[in-house]
Each structure stands twice: as C-alpha cells, then as structure tokens.
Amino acid sequence: MESCESCWGGEIVAEHVGRSKKTLDGIHARWIARRHRNTDDLTYRDEWYDEQCGGCRFWFPLAGEMGSDYGACANGDSPFDGRVMFEHDGCAAFEEADEWVTPESM
C-alpha cells in the first residue's frame, strides 16, 4: 500500500464513494430499508413520533447532504450505539434534546 503523510494511519485506505445523486440515492435506499421503526408500519405507535433519532440528545448528523436524513447514534444504552440511523427512526433509549441538530447547526 502506498504511503501518505496526510492520510489516516500514514496509508491510503480507500477512495471516497462519491457524491453523485445516483450513489447517494442507492445508499439511502439500502439504509432506509434497515430502519428499526418505520412510520409506514401499521404497528408504529403514536408516541414514537415524539421519540425519533433526530430529536435525541445523542444524535450526531452526518456531514453533507446525507446529514439531512442520517446521523450516528452515540447513546451507550441504545442497541444502535455507533450505527448510522435515519432521523425518523428511534429506539427505547431515546432522550429528548432541546432541539433537532442539523449538519449546519454543528
């Protein structure tokens, strides 16, 4: 592997996946299919509308365009800690934030 002073660990690890609409749409389609709570599901509870990831104090939105819909969970009590989640998904470990965090507000 090629050496690189400015790369992580001194090595080139991977090329960026790209930012084309087709690439981002493909990522969105895969990730949206893996939601824990789907608002279109008949078993979705009304109280879950107020307990969505985007309103949790442990929500860290991704940078760029994907950050408007996706972020990382940083709640050690959540089974989704360390995973990328859809902003309208959620879990039982939800803790309300003062406001929804967006990439622009970080």
Protein backbone atom coordinates (compact mmCIF):
# COMPACT_ATOMS: atom_id res chain seq x y z
CA MET A 1 0.00 0.00 0.00
CA GLU A 2 1.21 3.49 -0.84
CA SER A 3 2.46 5.70 2.00
CA CYS A 4 0.71 9.01 2.58
CA GLU A 5 1.60 11.57 5.25
CA SER A 6 -1.84 13.23 5.20
CA CYS A 7 -3.89 10.01 5.13
CA TRP A 8 -5.21 8.13 8.11
CA GLY A 9 -2.53 5.91 9.65
CA GLY A 10 0.02 7.05 7.06
CA GLU A 11 -1.61 4.90 4.33
CA ILE A 12 -4.21 5.48 1.64
CA VAL A 13 -7.15 3.46 2.94
CA ALA A 14 -9.91 3.92 0.34
CA GLU A 15 -11.28 6.27 -2.25
CA HIS A 16 -14.43 8.18 -1.28
CA VAL A 17 -17.63 6.51 -2.51
CA GLY A 18 -18.59 9.65 -4.41
CA ARG A 19 -21.26 12.25 -4.20
CA SER A 20 -23.30 11.60 -7.30
CA LYS A 21 -27.08 11.61 -6.93
CA LYS A 22 -27.20 8.00 -8.11
CA THR A 23 -24.68 6.91 -5.44
CA LEU A 24 -26.43 8.82 -2.64
CA ASP A 25 -29.85 7.52 -3.74
CA GLY A 26 -28.50 3.95 -3.62
CA ILE A 27 -27.12 4.45 -0.11
CA HIS A 28 -30.43 5.98 1.03
CA ALA A 29 -32.42 3.07 -0.41
CA ARG A 30 -30.26 0.49 1.41
CA TRP A 31 -30.27 2.33 4.72
CA ILE A 32 -33.98 3.23 4.72
CA ALA A 33 -34.81 -0.47 4.24
CA ARG A 34 -32.95 -1.26 7.51
CA ARG A 35 -34.97 1.05 9.76
CA HIS A 36 -35.84 -0.19 13.23
CA ARG A 37 -39.11 1.79 13.35
CA ASN A 38 -40.93 2.50 10.11
CA THR A 39 -43.57 5.24 10.21
CA ASP A 40 -45.44 3.44 7.40
CA ASP A 41 -45.80 0.28 9.52
CA LEU A 42 -49.28 -0.33 10.97
CA THR A 43 -47.68 -1.24 14.33
CA TYR A 44 -45.94 2.17 14.59
CA ARG A 45 -47.05 3.74 17.88
CA ASP A 46 -48.21 7.38 18.06
CA GLU A 47 -45.79 8.18 20.91
CA TRP A 48 -42.85 7.20 18.69
CA TYR A 49 -43.41 10.32 16.57
CA ASP A 50 -42.01 12.30 19.52
CA GLU A 51 -39.10 9.88 20.07
CA GLN A 52 -37.27 9.98 16.75
CA CYS A 53 -33.49 9.86 16.41
CA GLY A 54 -33.24 13.39 15.02
CA GLY A 55 -34.66 14.74 18.29
CA CYS A 56 -32.44 12.66 20.59
CA ARG A 57 -29.61 14.29 22.52
CA PHE A 58 -27.25 11.51 21.38
CA TRP A 59 -27.82 12.22 17.65
CA PHE A 60 -24.83 13.28 15.54
CA PRO A 61 -25.84 14.12 11.95
CA LEU A 62 -23.57 13.06 9.12
CA ALA A 63 -21.82 15.80 7.19
CA GLY A 64 -23.03 16.95 3.80
CA GLU A 65 -26.22 16.04 2.02
CA MET A 66 -26.67 12.71 3.84
CA GLY A 67 -26.70 14.59 7.16
CA SER A 68 -30.13 16.00 6.40
CA ASP A 69 -31.55 12.48 6.87
CA TYR A 70 -28.90 10.38 8.65
CA GLY A 71 -26.71 10.54 11.72
CA ALA A 72 -24.83 8.38 14.18
CA CYS A 73 -26.26 7.23 17.49
CA ALA A 74 -23.91 7.90 20.41
CA ASN A 75 -26.10 6.55 23.24
CA GLY A 76 -24.28 3.78 25.08
CA ASP A 77 -27.62 2.50 26.38
CA SER A 78 -29.04 2.06 22.87
CA PRO A 79 -28.72 -1.15 20.85
CA PHE A 80 -27.93 1.21 17.94
CA ASP A 81 -24.93 2.92 19.59
CA GLY A 82 -22.33 3.59 16.89
CA ARG A 83 -24.70 2.91 13.99
CA VAL A 84 -25.89 5.24 11.28
CA MET A 85 -29.62 5.81 11.74
CA PHE A 86 -32.41 7.50 9.77
CA GLU A 87 -33.54 10.71 11.52
CA HIS A 88 -37.15 9.44 11.81
CA ASP A 89 -36.13 6.07 13.25
CA GLY A 90 -35.87 5.58 17.02
CA CYS A 91 -35.47 3.25 19.98
CA ALA A 92 -36.43 2.82 23.63
CA ALA A 93 -33.23 4.57 24.80
CA PHE A 94 -34.38 7.94 23.34
CA GLU A 95 -33.53 11.03 25.40
CA GLU A 96 -35.02 14.31 24.25
CA ALA A 97 -32.73 17.09 23.05
CA ASP A 98 -33.57 20.78 23.33
CA GLU A 99 -33.74 20.94 19.52
CA TRP A 100 -33.10 18.84 16.43
CA VAL A 101 -29.46 19.04 15.37
CA THR A 102 -28.63 19.55 11.70
CA PRO A 103 -25.23 19.48 9.97
CA GLU A 104 -25.49 23.27 9.62
CA SER A 105 -26.00 23.78 13.37
CA MET A 106 -22.92 21.77 14.37
